[in-house]
Amino acid sequence: MNFASHDYLALSSHPTILAAATEAMSRWGVHGAAPAPRQGTALPLTILEERLSEFLSCRDTIIFPTGWAAGYGAVRTLTREEDHVVIDAAAAPCLHEGAVNATRNIHRVPNCSLDATTRILTRIRERDPRCGIMVVTEAFFPLEATIPDLTALLRACRQHEATLLVSIANDFGAIGEDGEGFAGAPGLAGEIDLLVGSFSRIFASNGGFVAAREGGIGLALRTFCGPLASSCALSPIQAAIAGAALDIVRSPEGRERRIRLMQNVARLRDGLAARAFRVLGQAGPSVPVWLGDTADARLMTRAVLAGGGLIDLVEPPDVPKGEARWCLYPMAGHGEALIDTMIEAAHAARETTGVMPPPPCPFEPRNDGDPD
């Protein structure tokens, strides 16, 4: 029972994907052999950048060898020392590390708190009308299953002349009629300044990308971004695989797989809740289950593993102390029987270990406060 894989649409062994890999290997070889700005860019990578720009309604897209490098590189390279970064406390580590290595002016806000973000933007602008501000968030937070109000956040950024960067690593390809993700909703497509994505969850490949609303951003990243200039480019095989996956994502088959994925998400969430598990947040590609104490969580995880389940236990420091949780990943290829077996395995683990169900109090999302 594999509920730890990020292969949401179950494309990693798809015949079209395998055929694309074989063809690319025969034509282009297996290795980029240089960083992208230094002749490491094969034709499949260039084509993929152009296709992503078109799909995301952006002026320019830059592909990185990993999703982590894309997130870190975008924040680190585009933020000056005197600039400010307003970042969601639950944002991915690569985004936080990029901010820390770019500026001392970092403002962490509670998860999905539009009010806190707006207050800080107002305060920064009152102090310095001309400084650069980057607001950093995600379209879907997998450990909380929370979704920010991107429309309102974009409006606040425009009002305060701030740049909005949104990570779409966890929803792009998995959510929406055509797989456009939450950031592709009406009124948002082509409007968000920077989109950071990953190929590892939907597109059956390593790699990531930064898509920019303005063309000059791409040139800045290609020229000055260390993770891009100092790392070997994504291989032509991986670029071809991601391109083939993009074809599937945008096809009727991709739409059907997204429907099955969300049906499995709903069945897993409802089934666990019916067994008195505290399932966090809203329906999305991940299903976080609050367990609480780390020691209890480890006992329950060991019991699930012994029963044939493969699951991801998240514990401090990745989440606050006392808030250990499972982060379960249903896939489009899971059948109803497998979902139900996973639910029973979780229930049996609690019965076997004697861990009590959590109290029925609401879950509070991560809140690191405002250092100001």
Protein backbone atom coordinates (compact mmCIF):
# COMPACT_ATOMS: atom_id res chain seq x y z
CA MET A 1 0.00 0.00 0.00
CA ASN A 2 2.12 2.84 -1.31
CA PHE A 3 0.84 6.14 0.07
CA ALA A 4 4.27 7.80 0.21
CA SER A 5 4.85 8.34 -3.52
CA HIS A 6 4.43 11.82 -5.01
CA ASP A 7 3.50 10.29 -8.37
CA TYR A 8 -0.01 11.73 -8.05
CA LEU A 9 -1.31 10.82 -11.51
CA ALA A 10 0.61 7.51 -11.60
CA LEU A 11 2.54 8.44 -14.76
CA SER A 12 5.99 7.10 -13.87
CA SER A 13 5.41 3.80 -15.69
CA HIS A 14 3.00 5.07 -18.33
CA PRO A 15 3.79 3.59 -21.80
CA THR A 16 3.95 7.06 -23.37
CA ILE A 17 6.47 8.17 -20.76
CA LEU A 18 8.65 5.10 -21.28
CA ALA A 19 8.56 5.56 -25.05
CA ALA A 20 9.56 9.23 -24.75
CA ALA A 21 12.51 8.30 -22.53
CA THR A 22 13.70 5.63 -24.96
CA GLU A 23 13.46 7.92 -27.98
CA ALA A 24 15.26 10.78 -26.22
CA MET A 25 18.04 8.48 -25.05
CA SER A 26 18.58 7.19 -28.59
CA ARG A 27 18.62 10.65 -30.13
CA TRP A 28 20.22 12.89 -27.51
CA GLY A 29 22.13 10.60 -25.17
CA VAL A 30 21.68 10.43 -21.42
CA HIS A 31 23.44 13.53 -20.14
CA GLY A 32 23.30 17.32 -20.56
CA ALA A 33 27.04 17.43 -19.76
CA ALA A 34 27.10 21.15 -18.80
CA PRO A 35 25.10 23.82 -16.97
CA ALA A 36 22.20 25.22 -18.96
CA PRO A 37 23.81 28.66 -19.53
CA ARG A 38 26.98 26.92 -20.77
CA GLN A 39 25.82 24.77 -23.65
CA GLY A 40 24.03 22.20 -21.49
CA THR A 41 20.62 22.90 -23.00
CA ALA A 42 19.41 20.19 -25.39
CA LEU A 43 16.46 20.75 -27.72
CA PRO A 44 13.92 18.85 -25.55
CA LEU A 45 14.64 21.24 -22.68
CA THR A 46 14.21 24.34 -24.86
CA ILE A 47 10.94 23.01 -26.26
CA LEU A 48 9.68 22.25 -22.75
CA GLU A 49 10.45 25.79 -21.58
CA GLU A 50 8.47 27.23 -24.49
CA ARG A 51 5.51 24.91 -23.87
CA LEU A 52 5.39 25.73 -20.16
CA SER A 53 5.44 29.45 -20.92
CA GLU A 54 2.47 29.01 -23.23
CA PHE A 55 0.53 26.83 -20.76
CA LEU A 56 1.19 29.15 -17.82
CA SER A 57 0.61 32.35 -19.84
CA CYS A 58 4.07 33.63 -18.87
CA ARG A 59 6.69 35.52 -20.86
CA ASP A 60 9.61 33.27 -19.96
CA THR A 61 10.26 29.92 -18.25
CA ILE A 62 13.61 28.69 -16.99
CA ILE A 63 14.14 25.02 -16.20
CA PHE A 64 16.34 24.00 -13.26
CA PRO A 65 17.90 20.59 -12.53
CA THR A 66 15.78 20.23 -9.36
CA GLY A 67 12.68 21.82 -7.92
CA TRP A 68 14.64 22.78 -4.81
CA ALA A 69 17.15 24.70 -6.93
CA ALA A 70 14.34 26.53 -8.71
CA GLY A 71 12.72 27.72 -5.47
CA TYR A 72 15.96 28.65 -3.74
CA GLY A 73 17.47 30.21 -6.85
CA ALA A 74 14.47 32.42 -7.61
CA VAL A 75 14.26 33.95 -4.13
CA ARG A 76 18.03 34.19 -3.61
CA THR A 77 18.84 35.70 -7.00
CA LEU A 78 15.98 38.17 -7.35
CA THR A 79 16.16 39.62 -3.82
CA ARG A 80 18.71 42.29 -2.98
CA GLU A 81 20.24 42.75 0.44
CA GLU A 82 18.13 45.83 1.17
CA ASP A 83 14.88 44.24 -0.04
CA HIS A 84 12.18 42.67 2.12
CA VAL A 85 10.74 39.15 1.90
CA VAL A 86 7.29 38.44 3.36
CA ILE A 87 7.04 34.66 3.49
CA ASP A 88 4.44 32.17 4.68
CA ALA A 89 5.71 30.28 7.74
CA ALA A 90 4.70 26.96 6.13
CA ALA A 91 6.44 27.59 2.81
CA ALA A 92 8.93 25.01 1.55
CA PRO A 93 12.43 25.02 3.10
CA CYS A 94 14.06 25.97 -0.21
CA LEU A 95 12.07 29.23 -0.24
CA HIS A 96 12.99 30.06 3.36
CA GLU A 97 16.66 29.28 2.77
CA GLY A 98 16.70 31.44 -0.34
CA ALA A 99 15.29 34.34 1.67
CA VAL A 100 17.72 33.88 4.58
CA ASN A 101 20.67 33.93 2.21
CA ALA A 102 19.42 37.00 0.36
CA THR A 103 18.41 39.52 3.03
CA ARG A 104 18.04 40.14 6.76
CA ASN A 105 14.66 41.77 6.16
CA ILE A 106 12.49 38.67 6.48
CA HIS A 107 8.91 38.75 7.75
CA ARG A 108 7.32 35.35 8.45
CA VAL A 109 3.53 35.31 8.53
CA PRO A 110 1.12 32.64 9.82
CA ASN A 111 0.05 30.07 7.26
CA CYS A 112 -2.35 31.58 4.71
CA SER A 113 -2.89 34.74 6.78
CA LEU A 114 -3.89 37.47 4.35
CA ASP A 115 -4.45 39.93 7.21
CA ALA A 116 -0.93 39.49 8.58
CA THR A 117 0.59 39.79 5.12
CA THR A 118 -1.35 42.99 4.38
CA ARG A 119 -0.39 44.55 7.72
CA ILE A 120 3.30 43.87 7.12
CA LEU A 121 3.16 45.18 3.56
CA THR A 122 1.56 48.38 4.81
CA ARG A 123 4.17 48.75 7.54
CA ILE A 124 7.08 48.21 5.14
CA ARG A 125 5.74 50.73 2.65
CA GLU A 126 5.23 53.33 5.37
CA ARG A 127 8.87 52.94 6.38
CA ASP A 128 10.33 52.77 2.88
CA PRO A 129 8.23 53.75 -0.15
CA ARG A 130 10.88 52.60 -2.64
CA CYS A 131 12.29 49.30 -1.37
CA GLY A 132 11.77 46.00 -3.13
CA ILE A 133 9.31 43.55 -1.56
CA MET A 134 8.81 39.91 -2.47
CA VAL A 135 5.79 38.03 -1.08
CA VAL A 136 6.38 34.27 -1.06
CA THR A 137 3.68 31.62 -0.67
CA GLU A 138 2.47 28.31 -2.10
CA ALA A 139 -0.70 27.49 -4.00
CA PHE A 140 -1.22 24.38 -1.85
CA PHE A 141 0.56 23.52 1.39
CA PRO A 142 0.86 19.71 1.57
CA LEU A 143 1.55 19.37 5.31
CA GLU A 144 -1.47 21.52 6.22
CA ALA A 145 -3.67 20.97 3.14
CA THR A 146 -4.35 24.71 3.13
CA ILE A 147 -4.99 26.95 0.13
CA PRO A 148 -4.32 30.71 0.29
CA ASP A 149 -6.58 33.31 -1.27
CA LEU A 150 -4.29 34.05 -4.19
CA THR A 151 -6.66 36.57 -5.76
CA ALA A 152 -6.73 38.72 -2.63
CA LEU A 153 -3.00 38.24 -2.10
CA LEU A 154 -2.25 39.39 -5.65
CA ARG A 155 -4.46 42.44 -5.10
CA ALA A 156 -2.55 43.31 -1.92
CA CYS A 157 0.78 42.94 -3.72
CA ARG A 158 -0.33 45.24 -6.53
CA GLN A 159 -1.56 47.80 -4.01
CA HIS A 160 1.80 47.84 -2.22
CA GLU A 161 4.00 47.40 -5.32
CA ALA A 162 5.28 44.01 -4.18
CA THR A 163 6.36 41.05 -6.29
CA LEU A 164 4.33 37.88 -5.74
CA LEU A 165 6.09 34.49 -5.96
CA VAL A 166 3.89 31.40 -5.72
CA SER A 167 5.14 27.83 -5.56
CA ILE A 168 2.88 25.55 -7.60
CA ALA A 169 4.99 22.45 -6.93
CA ASN A 170 2.19 20.56 -5.20
CA ASP A 171 -0.84 21.30 -7.38
CA PHE A 172 0.29 22.08 -10.94
CA GLY A 173 -0.89 19.23 -13.15
CA ALA A 174 -3.04 17.69 -10.41
CA ILE A 175 -5.73 20.34 -9.95
CA GLY A 176 -8.05 22.10 -12.38
CA GLU A 177 -9.93 21.29 -15.55
CA ASP A 178 -6.73 21.27 -17.61
CA GLY A 179 -4.25 20.75 -14.78
CA GLU A 180 -3.48 24.43 -14.46
CA GLY A 181 -3.49 24.26 -10.65
CA PHE A 182 -4.91 26.77 -8.19
CA ALA A 183 -2.76 29.58 -9.63
CA GLY A 184 -4.37 29.05 -13.03
CA ALA A 185 -7.85 29.96 -11.83
CA PRO A 186 -9.78 32.65 -13.76
CA GLY A 187 -8.27 36.06 -13.14
CA LEU A 188 -4.92 34.62 -12.02
CA ALA A 189 -3.50 33.03 -15.17
CA GLY A 190 -0.66 35.17 -16.46
CA GLU A 191 -1.02 37.69 -13.61
CA ILE A 192 1.20 36.25 -10.85
CA ASP A 193 4.74 37.63 -11.14
CA LEU A 194 6.67 34.42 -10.50
CA LEU A 195 5.63 30.76 -10.46
CA VAL A 196 7.97 28.10 -9.10
CA GLY A 197 7.24 24.49 -9.99
CA SER A 198 8.57 20.94 -9.78
CA PHE A 199 8.42 18.00 -12.16
CA SER A 200 8.79 15.34 -9.46
CA ARG A 201 5.14 15.07 -8.40
CA ILE A 202 3.19 14.96 -11.64
CA PHE A 203 5.66 14.94 -14.48
CA ALA A 204 7.59 11.73 -13.70
CA SER A 205 10.98 13.44 -13.69
CA ASN A 206 13.48 15.37 -11.64
CA GLY A 207 13.70 19.08 -12.29
CA GLY A 208 11.85 22.29 -11.64
CA PHE A 209 11.16 25.64 -13.23
CA VAL A 210 10.58 29.33 -12.69
CA ALA A 211 7.97 30.98 -14.92
CA ALA A 212 8.01 34.77 -15.05
CA ARG A 213 5.36 37.28 -16.10
CA GLU A 214 8.09 39.68 -17.26
CA GLY A 215 10.75 38.69 -19.78
CA GLY A 216 13.71 40.30 -18.02
CA ILE A 217 13.42 37.92 -15.07
CA GLY A 218 14.51 34.98 -17.19
CA LEU A 219 17.64 36.79 -18.33
CA ALA A 220 18.51 37.69 -14.73
CA LEU A 221 18.20 34.08 -13.60
CA ARG A 222 20.15 32.70 -16.54
CA THR A 223 22.94 35.21 -15.91
CA PHE A 224 23.23 35.39 -12.12
CA CYS A 225 21.53 32.36 -10.53
CA GLY A 226 24.13 30.10 -8.88
CA PRO A 227 22.04 26.89 -8.74
CA LEU A 228 21.48 27.23 -12.49
CA ALA A 229 24.95 28.36 -13.56
CA SER A 230 26.80 25.85 -11.37
CA SER A 231 24.67 22.73 -11.84
CA CYS A 232 24.45 20.39 -14.79
CA ALA A 233 21.34 21.01 -16.84
CA LEU A 234 18.35 18.70 -16.71
CA SER A 235 19.15 15.75 -18.98
CA PRO A 236 17.43 15.50 -22.38
CA ILE A 237 15.79 12.27 -21.19
CA GLN A 238 14.18 13.98 -18.20
CA ALA A 239 13.11 16.96 -20.30
CA ALA A 240 11.50 14.62 -22.84
CA ILE A 241 9.75 12.71 -20.05
CA ALA A 242 8.36 15.91 -18.53
CA GLY A 243 7.20 17.01 -21.98
CA ALA A 244 5.39 13.72 -22.57
CA ALA A 245 3.80 14.00 -19.13
CA LEU A 246 2.64 17.52 -20.00
CA ASP A 247 0.92 16.06 -23.08
CA ILE A 248 -0.94 13.59 -20.86
CA VAL A 249 -1.81 16.25 -18.27
CA ARG A 250 -3.46 18.39 -20.96
CA SER A 251 -5.32 15.49 -22.58
CA PRO A 252 -8.71 13.92 -21.78
CA GLU A 253 -6.80 11.08 -20.12
CA GLY A 254 -5.12 13.57 -17.81
CA ARG A 255 -8.50 15.01 -16.88
CA GLU A 256 -9.80 11.53 -16.07
CA ARG A 257 -6.76 10.80 -13.93
CA ARG A 258 -7.26 14.04 -11.98
CA ILE A 259 -10.88 13.07 -11.35
CA ARG A 260 -9.82 9.65 -10.04
CA LEU A 261 -7.13 11.25 -7.89
CA MET A 262 -9.58 13.59 -6.19
CA GLN A 263 -12.12 10.79 -5.75
CA ASN A 264 -9.43 8.81 -3.94
CA VAL A 265 -8.51 11.86 -1.86
CA ALA A 266 -12.14 12.29 -0.80
CA ARG A 267 -12.55 8.59 0.02
CA LEU A 268 -9.38 8.56 2.12
CA ARG A 269 -10.22 11.79 3.96
CA ASP A 270 -13.80 10.71 4.70
CA GLY A 271 -12.80 7.21 5.73
CA LEU A 272 -10.12 8.37 8.15
CA ALA A 273 -12.39 11.04 9.63
CA ALA A 274 -15.06 8.40 10.19
CA ARG A 275 -12.47 6.44 12.21
CA ALA A 276 -11.89 9.47 14.47
CA PHE A 277 -8.64 10.60 12.82
CA ARG A 278 -8.10 14.34 12.56
CA VAL A 279 -7.64 15.04 8.86
CA LEU A 280 -6.27 18.52 8.26
CA GLY A 281 -7.20 21.24 5.82
CA GLN A 282 -9.01 20.98 2.51
CA ALA A 283 -9.13 18.40 -0.25
CA GLY A 284 -5.95 18.45 -2.30
CA PRO A 285 -3.22 16.14 -3.60
CA SER A 286 -2.00 15.28 -0.08
CA VAL A 287 -3.92 14.09 2.97
CA PRO A 288 -2.26 15.21 6.23
CA VAL A 289 -3.38 13.35 9.35
CA TRP A 290 -2.60 14.95 12.72
CA LEU A 291 -1.10 12.51 15.26
CA GLY A 292 0.41 14.82 17.88
CA ASP A 293 3.12 13.36 20.11
CA THR A 294 6.17 12.18 18.16
CA ALA A 295 6.65 9.00 20.15
CA ASP A 296 3.00 7.96 19.63
CA ALA A 297 3.28 8.85 15.95
CA ARG A 298 6.35 6.64 15.54
CA LEU A 299 4.62 3.71 17.21
CA MET A 300 1.62 4.02 14.94
CA THR A 301 3.80 4.42 11.86
CA ARG A 302 5.75 1.29 12.72
CA ALA A 303 2.48 -0.62 13.06
CA VAL A 304 1.27 0.58 9.65
CA LEU A 305 4.60 -0.36 8.05
CA ALA A 306 4.39 -3.80 9.62
CA GLY A 307 0.93 -4.16 8.12
CA GLY A 308 2.17 -3.47 4.60
CA GLY A 309 1.58 0.27 4.36
CA LEU A 310 4.20 2.66 3.01
CA ILE A 311 3.56 6.10 4.51
CA ASP A 312 5.40 9.33 5.25
CA LEU A 313 5.71 10.42 8.88
CA VAL A 314 6.49 14.13 9.30
CA GLU A 315 7.82 15.21 12.67
CA PRO A 316 9.70 18.17 14.18
CA PRO A 317 11.51 20.23 13.02
CA ASP A 318 9.54 19.98 9.76
CA VAL A 319 6.39 20.64 11.81
CA PRO A 320 6.06 22.25 15.26
CA LYS A 321 6.71 20.21 18.38
CA GLY A 322 3.74 18.08 19.36
CA GLU A 323 2.25 18.21 15.85
CA ALA A 324 3.68 15.08 14.19
CA ARG A 325 1.52 13.86 11.35
CA TRP A 326 1.23 11.48 8.47
CA CYS A 327 1.25 13.05 5.03
CA LEU A 328 -0.52 10.52 2.82
CA TYR A 329 -0.44 10.68 -0.97
CA PRO A 330 -3.25 8.90 -2.80
CA MET A 331 -2.59 8.26 -6.50
CA ALA A 332 -4.88 8.12 -9.49
CA GLY A 333 -4.00 4.44 -9.87
CA HIS A 334 -5.24 3.45 -6.42
CA GLY A 335 -8.46 1.44 -6.37
CA GLU A 336 -11.23 1.86 -3.82
CA ALA A 337 -10.28 -1.41 -2.13
CA LEU A 338 -6.71 -0.20 -1.57
CA ILE A 339 -7.94 3.09 -0.10
CA ASP A 340 -10.20 1.18 2.28
CA THR A 341 -7.38 -1.18 3.25
CA MET A 342 -5.18 1.81 4.11
CA ILE A 343 -7.94 3.24 6.31
CA GLU A 344 -8.29 -0.07 8.14
CA ALA A 345 -4.49 -0.33 8.54
CA ALA A 346 -4.42 3.12 10.17
CA HIS A 347 -7.26 2.18 12.50
CA ALA A 348 -5.61 -1.14 13.37
CA ALA A 349 -2.35 0.66 14.14
CA ARG A 350 -4.07 2.85 16.68
CA GLU A 351 -5.87 -0.10 18.23
CA THR A 352 -2.65 -2.13 18.43
CA THR A 353 -0.56 0.64 19.98
CA GLY A 354 -3.28 1.94 22.29
CA VAL A 355 -2.79 5.53 21.14
CA MET A 356 -5.91 7.54 21.92
CA PRO A 357 -7.74 9.50 19.20
CA PRO A 358 -6.96 13.24 19.23
CA PRO A 359 -9.28 15.58 21.12
CA PRO A 360 -11.90 17.28 18.90
CA CYS A 361 -10.28 20.72 18.99
CA PRO A 362 -9.61 22.62 15.74
CA PHE A 363 -6.16 22.38 14.22
CA GLU A 364 -4.22 25.64 14.23
CA PRO A 365 -1.94 26.03 11.19
CA ARG A 366 1.70 26.80 11.66
CA ASN A 367 2.29 30.27 13.07
CA ASP A 368 5.83 31.47 13.52
CA GLY A 369 4.60 34.97 14.24
CA ASP A 370 5.89 38.29 12.97
CA PRO A 371 9.44 39.15 14.07
CA ASP A 372 8.54 42.83 13.96
